[in-house]
Amino acid sequence: MSMIRQNYHADCEAAINKQINVELHASYIYQSMAFHFDREDVALKGFYKFFKKCSDEEREHAEKMMKYQNMRGGRVVLDNITKPEKETWGTGLEAMQSALTLEKAVNQNILDVHKVAAAHDDPHLTDWLEGEFLKEQAEAIKQLADYITNLKRVGPGLGEYMFDKETLDD
């Protein structure tokens, strides 16, 4: 047992390890999405940049959780990362809809970790989750929903191309 471990229940440690793997899986999916849009037959640079950034952020979240695990005296336990369910992601609208579903699932997992921490009276973990993740997750879900609304509004083809250039390609 770690000498720094204090009020860190094994269930909380396990929940954080599960979340680390959820974040890494999300990063893997976003990376797949990014490189779908980088293909020569898709060629939407803004979508590539957006999903690449999402992938990087999810990996950063996993690393942040690994650091937290070490700080609390837990042990990082990594699991296999399953491949994405799809190999191609279709249109920008379809990919954004998949991303929204993914973000909501990641957010639900964080909320589940929060419940475990609250059940084991771990104010440090609940505060850390609230300060580091919950607001950012809500903002990401809102942004994706906004993008979906606008992609529906502009339509496929030229509309999607203009969305890529005007909204995503900074």
C-alpha atoms as a PDB file:
ATOM      1  CA  MET A   1       0.000   0.000   0.000  1.00  0.00           C
ATOM      2  CA  SER A   2       1.198   3.499  -0.835  1.00  0.00           C
ATOM      3  CA  MET A   3       2.380   5.721   2.006  1.00  0.00           C
ATOM      4  CA  ILE A   4       0.478   8.709   0.600  1.00  0.00           C
ATOM      5  CA  ARG A   5      -2.889   6.979   0.270  1.00  0.00           C
ATOM      6  CA  GLN A   6      -5.549   8.554   2.506  1.00  0.00           C
ATOM      7  CA  ASN A   7      -9.340   8.324   2.214  1.00  0.00           C
ATOM      8  CA  TYR A   8      -9.000   6.851  -1.289  1.00  0.00           C
ATOM      9  CA  HIS A   9     -11.317   3.866  -1.518  1.00  0.00           C
ATOM     10  CA  ALA A  10     -10.469   0.993  -3.869  1.00  0.00           C
ATOM     11  CA  ASP A  11     -13.773   1.607  -5.693  1.00  0.00           C
ATOM     12  CA  CYS A  12     -12.686   5.181  -6.445  1.00  0.00           C
ATOM     13  CA  GLU A  13      -9.328   3.932  -7.689  1.00  0.00           C
ATOM     14  CA  ALA A  14     -11.074   1.392  -9.948  1.00  0.00           C
ATOM     15  CA  ALA A  15     -13.499   4.041 -11.250  1.00  0.00           C
ATOM     16  CA  ILE A  16     -10.615   6.348 -12.145  1.00  0.00           C
ATOM     17  CA  ASN A  17      -8.847   3.486 -13.942  1.00  0.00           C
ATOM     18  CA  LYS A  18     -12.027   2.771 -15.888  1.00  0.00           C
ATOM     19  CA  GLN A  19     -12.308   6.461 -16.803  1.00  0.00           C
ATOM     20  CA  ILE A  20      -8.679   6.545 -17.949  1.00  0.00           C
ATOM     21  CA  ASN A  21      -9.499   3.774 -20.403  1.00  0.00           C
ATOM     22  CA  VAL A  22     -12.725   5.495 -21.491  1.00  0.00           C
ATOM     23  CA  GLU A  23     -10.740   8.664 -22.246  1.00  0.00           C
ATOM     24  CA  LEU A  24      -8.086   6.734 -24.195  1.00  0.00           C
ATOM     25  CA  HIS A  25     -10.804   4.950 -26.184  1.00  0.00           C
ATOM     26  CA  ALA A  26     -12.439   8.300 -26.988  1.00  0.00           C
ATOM     27  CA  SER A  27      -9.054   9.657 -28.103  1.00  0.00           C
ATOM     28  CA  TYR A  28      -8.654   6.649 -30.393  1.00  0.00           C
ATOM     29  CA  ILE A  29     -12.093   7.196 -31.934  1.00  0.00           C
ATOM     30  CA  TYR A  30     -11.464  10.903 -32.490  1.00  0.00           C
ATOM     31  CA  GLN A  31      -8.126  10.098 -34.094  1.00  0.00           C
ATOM     32  CA  SER A  32      -9.916   7.734 -36.477  1.00  0.00           C
ATOM     33  CA  MET A  33     -12.407  10.496 -37.286  1.00  0.00           C
ATOM     34  CA  ALA A  34      -9.639  13.040 -37.861  1.00  0.00           C
ATOM     35  CA  PHE A  35      -7.780  10.905 -40.347  1.00  0.00           C
ATOM     36  CA  HIS A  36     -11.021  10.019 -42.134  1.00  0.00           C
ATOM     37  CA  PHE A  37     -11.416  13.702 -42.980  1.00  0.00           C
ATOM     38  CA  ASP A  38      -7.736  13.977 -43.963  1.00  0.00           C
ATOM     39  CA  ARG A  39      -8.166  11.408 -46.757  1.00  0.00           C
ATOM     40  CA  GLU A  40      -7.763  12.702 -50.325  1.00  0.00           C
ATOM     41  CA  ASP A  41     -11.307  11.633 -51.212  1.00  0.00           C
ATOM     42  CA  VAL A  42     -12.814  13.516 -48.247  1.00  0.00           C
ATOM     43  CA  ALA A  43     -10.385  16.469 -47.895  1.00  0.00           C
ATOM     44  CA  LEU A  44     -12.090  18.523 -45.185  1.00  0.00           C
ATOM     45  CA  LYS A  45      -9.185  20.092 -43.315  1.00  0.00           C
ATOM     46  CA  GLY A  46     -11.318  21.849 -40.722  1.00  0.00           C
ATOM     47  CA  PHE A  47     -12.989  18.600 -39.658  1.00  0.00           C
ATOM     48  CA  TYR A  48      -9.548  16.967 -39.523  1.00  0.00           C
ATOM     49  CA  LYS A  49      -8.230  19.730 -37.237  1.00  0.00           C
ATOM     50  CA  PHE A  50     -11.317  19.661 -35.022  1.00  0.00           C
ATOM     51  CA  PHE A  51     -11.291  15.904 -34.460  1.00  0.00           C
ATOM     52  CA  LYS A  52      -7.500  15.823 -34.061  1.00  0.00           C
ATOM     53  CA  LYS A  53      -7.827  18.433 -31.308  1.00  0.00           C
ATOM     54  CA  CYS A  54     -10.585  16.357 -29.691  1.00  0.00           C
ATOM     55  CA  SER A  55      -8.313  13.308 -29.783  1.00  0.00           C
ATOM     56  CA  ASP A  56      -5.467  15.226 -28.169  1.00  0.00           C
ATOM     57  CA  GLU A  57      -7.774  16.588 -25.449  1.00  0.00           C
ATOM     58  CA  GLU A  58      -9.132  13.150 -24.562  1.00  0.00           C
ATOM     59  CA  ARG A  59      -5.591  11.771 -24.290  1.00  0.00           C
ATOM     60  CA  GLU A  60      -4.659  14.747 -22.073  1.00  0.00           C
ATOM     61  CA  HIS A  61      -7.664  13.927 -19.863  1.00  0.00           C
ATOM     62  CA  ALA A  62      -6.433  10.343 -19.522  1.00  0.00           C
ATOM     63  CA  GLU A  63      -2.954  11.568 -18.596  1.00  0.00           C
ATOM     64  CA  LYS A  64      -4.405  14.012 -16.075  1.00  0.00           C
ATOM     65  CA  MET A  65      -6.301  11.132 -14.480  1.00  0.00           C
ATOM     66  CA  MET A  66      -3.151   9.020 -14.386  1.00  0.00           C
ATOM     67  CA  LYS A  67      -1.352  11.832 -12.563  1.00  0.00           C
ATOM     68  CA  TYR A  68      -4.287  12.108 -10.161  1.00  0.00           C
ATOM     69  CA  GLN A  69      -4.216   8.366  -9.553  1.00  0.00           C
ATOM     70  CA  ASN A  70      -0.524   8.587  -8.625  1.00  0.00           C
ATOM     71  CA  MET A  71      -1.088  11.674  -6.474  1.00  0.00           C
ATOM     72  CA  ARG A  72      -3.709   9.825  -4.402  1.00  0.00           C
ATOM     73  CA  GLY A  73      -1.570   6.720  -3.983  1.00  0.00           C
ATOM     74  CA  GLY A  74      -3.523   4.606  -6.432  1.00  0.00           C
ATOM     75  CA  ARG A  75      -2.104   2.469  -9.200  1.00  0.00           C
ATOM     76  CA  VAL A  76      -2.776   3.036 -12.881  1.00  0.00           C
ATOM     77  CA  VAL A  77      -4.183  -0.082 -14.528  1.00  0.00           C
ATOM     78  CA  LEU A  78      -4.546   0.187 -18.290  1.00  0.00           C
ATOM     79  CA  ASP A  79      -6.828  -2.039 -20.314  1.00  0.00           C
ATOM     80  CA  ASN A  80      -6.942  -2.897 -24.017  1.00  0.00           C
ATOM     81  CA  ILE A  81      -8.327  -0.104 -26.170  1.00  0.00           C
ATOM     82  CA  THR A  82     -10.892  -1.489 -28.562  1.00  0.00           C
ATOM     83  CA  LYS A  83     -10.929  -0.286 -32.123  1.00  0.00           C
ATOM     84  CA  PRO A  84     -13.654   2.121 -33.229  1.00  0.00           C
ATOM     85  CA  GLU A  85     -16.907   0.521 -34.338  1.00  0.00           C
ATOM     86  CA  LYS A  86     -16.588   2.235 -37.724  1.00  0.00           C
ATOM     87  CA  GLU A  87     -13.734   2.527 -40.197  1.00  0.00           C
ATOM     88  CA  THR A  88     -15.280   5.431 -42.083  1.00  0.00           C
ATOM     89  CA  TRP A  89     -17.305   8.259 -40.605  1.00  0.00           C
ATOM     90  CA  GLY A  90     -19.446   9.454 -43.510  1.00  0.00           C
ATOM     91  CA  THR A  91     -20.329  13.107 -43.728  1.00  0.00           C
ATOM     92  CA  GLY A  92     -19.338  15.839 -41.319  1.00  0.00           C
ATOM     93  CA  LEU A  93     -22.857  15.752 -39.897  1.00  0.00           C
ATOM     94  CA  GLU A  94     -22.707  11.994 -39.303  1.00  0.00           C
ATOM     95  CA  ALA A  95     -19.306  12.310 -37.636  1.00  0.00           C
ATOM     96  CA  MET A  96     -20.505  15.155 -35.402  1.00  0.00           C
ATOM     97  CA  GLN A  97     -23.534  13.082 -34.387  1.00  0.00           C
ATOM     98  CA  SER A  98     -21.212  10.187 -33.492  1.00  0.00           C
ATOM     99  CA  ALA A  99     -18.990  12.605 -31.570  1.00  0.00           C
ATOM    100  CA  LEU A 100     -21.978  13.912 -29.598  1.00  0.00           C
ATOM    101  CA  THR A 101     -22.960  10.367 -28.632  1.00  0.00           C
ATOM    102  CA  LEU A 102     -19.357   9.687 -27.611  1.00  0.00           C
ATOM    103  CA  GLU A 103     -19.055  12.863 -25.514  1.00  0.00           C
ATOM    104  CA  LYS A 104     -22.311  12.123 -23.720  1.00  0.00           C
ATOM    105  CA  ALA A 105     -21.043   8.617 -22.900  1.00  0.00           C
ATOM    106  CA  VAL A 106     -17.718   9.995 -21.613  1.00  0.00           C
ATOM    107  CA  ASN A 107     -19.608  12.574 -19.548  1.00  0.00           C
ATOM    108  CA  GLN A 108     -21.904   9.899 -18.092  1.00  0.00           C
ATOM    109  CA  ASN A 109     -18.863   7.887 -17.043  1.00  0.00           C
ATOM    110  CA  ILE A 110     -17.409  10.932 -15.280  1.00  0.00           C
ATOM    111  CA  LEU A 111     -20.738  11.434 -13.505  1.00  0.00           C
ATOM    112  CA  ASP A 112     -20.597   7.768 -12.466  1.00  0.00           C
ATOM    113  CA  VAL A 113     -17.088   8.270 -11.027  1.00  0.00           C
ATOM    114  CA  HIS A 114     -18.445  11.278  -9.138  1.00  0.00           C
ATOM    115  CA  LYS A 115     -21.237   9.108  -7.664  1.00  0.00           C
ATOM    116  CA  VAL A 116     -18.707   6.513  -6.512  1.00  0.00           C
ATOM    117  CA  ALA A 117     -16.572   9.227  -4.909  1.00  0.00           C
ATOM    118  CA  ALA A 118     -19.594  10.749  -3.170  1.00  0.00           C
ATOM    119  CA  ALA A 119     -20.729   7.321  -1.938  1.00  0.00           C
ATOM    120  CA  HIS A 120     -17.307   6.801  -0.355  1.00  0.00           C
ATOM    121  CA  ASP A 121     -17.178  10.318   1.113  1.00  0.00           C
ATOM    122  CA  ASP A 122     -14.185  11.429  -0.980  1.00  0.00           C
ATOM    123  CA  PRO A 123     -14.547  15.225  -1.192  1.00  0.00           C
ATOM    124  CA  HIS A 124     -11.152  15.569  -2.841  1.00  0.00           C
ATOM    125  CA  LEU A 125     -12.138  13.427  -5.819  1.00  0.00           C
ATOM    126  CA  THR A 126     -15.603  14.992  -6.202  1.00  0.00           C
ATOM    127  CA  ASP A 127     -14.109  18.494  -6.097  1.00  0.00           C
ATOM    128  CA  TRP A 128     -11.381  17.552  -8.571  1.00  0.00           C
ATOM    129  CA  LEU A 129     -13.875  16.080 -11.044  1.00  0.00           C
ATOM    130  CA  GLU A 130     -16.104  19.131 -10.759  1.00  0.00           C
ATOM    131  CA  GLY A 131     -13.218  21.557 -11.214  1.00  0.00           C
ATOM    132  CA  GLU A 132     -11.358  19.735 -13.968  1.00  0.00           C
ATOM    133  CA  PHE A 133     -13.958  17.981 -16.099  1.00  0.00           C
ATOM    134  CA  LEU A 134     -17.673  18.571 -15.623  1.00  0.00           C
ATOM    135  CA  LYS A 135     -17.931  22.112 -16.999  1.00  0.00           C
ATOM    136  CA  GLU A 136     -15.631  21.295 -19.910  1.00  0.00           C
ATOM    137  CA  GLN A 137     -17.744  18.242 -20.779  1.00  0.00           C
ATOM    138  CA  ALA A 138     -20.970  20.263 -20.752  1.00  0.00           C
ATOM    139  CA  GLU A 139     -19.359  22.889 -23.000  1.00  0.00           C
ATOM    140  CA  ALA A 140     -18.136  20.220 -25.444  1.00  0.00           C
ATOM    141  CA  ILE A 141     -21.597  18.652 -25.631  1.00  0.00           C
ATOM    142  CA  LYS A 142     -23.157  22.075 -26.303  1.00  0.00           C
ATOM    143  CA  GLN A 143     -20.578  22.875 -28.996  1.00  0.00           C
ATOM    144  CA  LEU A 144     -21.211  19.587 -30.787  1.00  0.00           C
ATOM    145  CA  ALA A 145     -24.974  20.119 -30.639  1.00  0.00           C
ATOM    146  CA  ASP A 146     -24.512  23.621 -32.110  1.00  0.00           C
ATOM    147  CA  TYR A 147     -22.355  22.201 -34.904  1.00  0.00           C
ATOM    148  CA  ILE A 148     -24.962  19.530 -35.667  1.00  0.00           C
ATOM    149  CA  THR A 149     -27.697  22.177 -35.852  1.00  0.00           C
ATOM    150  CA  ASN A 150     -25.644  24.287 -38.248  1.00  0.00           C
ATOM    151  CA  LEU A 151     -24.629  21.325 -40.394  1.00  0.00           C
ATOM    152  CA  LYS A 152     -28.294  20.392 -40.754  1.00  0.00           C
ATOM    153  CA  ARG A 153     -29.028  23.990 -41.676  1.00  0.00           C
ATOM    154  CA  VAL A 154     -26.333  24.276 -44.384  1.00  0.00           C
ATOM    155  CA  GLY A 155     -26.840  20.810 -45.856  1.00  0.00           C
ATOM    156  CA  PRO A 156     -24.391  18.469 -47.552  1.00  0.00           C
ATOM    157  CA  GLY A 157     -21.973  19.261 -50.360  1.00  0.00           C
ATOM    158  CA  LEU A 158     -21.149  22.953 -50.636  1.00  0.00           C
ATOM    159  CA  GLY A 159     -22.829  23.723 -47.300  1.00  0.00           C
ATOM    160  CA  GLU A 160     -20.645  21.197 -45.486  1.00  0.00           C
ATOM    161  CA  TYR A 161     -17.577  22.511 -47.311  1.00  0.00           C
ATOM    162  CA  MET A 162     -18.377  26.087 -46.257  1.00  0.00           C
ATOM    163  CA  PHE A 163     -18.987  24.959 -42.647  1.00  0.00           C
ATOM    164  CA  ASP A 164     -15.593  23.256 -42.721  1.00  0.00           C
ATOM    165  CA  LYS A 165     -13.885  26.420 -43.979  1.00  0.00           C
ATOM    166  CA  GLU A 166     -15.796  29.067 -42.020  1.00  0.00           C
ATOM    167  CA  THR A 167     -16.360  27.318 -38.689  1.00  0.00           C
ATOM    168  CA  LEU A 168     -13.706  24.667 -38.179  1.00  0.00           C
ATOM    169  CA  ASP A 169     -10.653  25.857 -40.123  1.00  0.00           C
ATOM    170  CA  ASP A 170      -9.175  28.600 -37.963  1.00  0.00           C
END
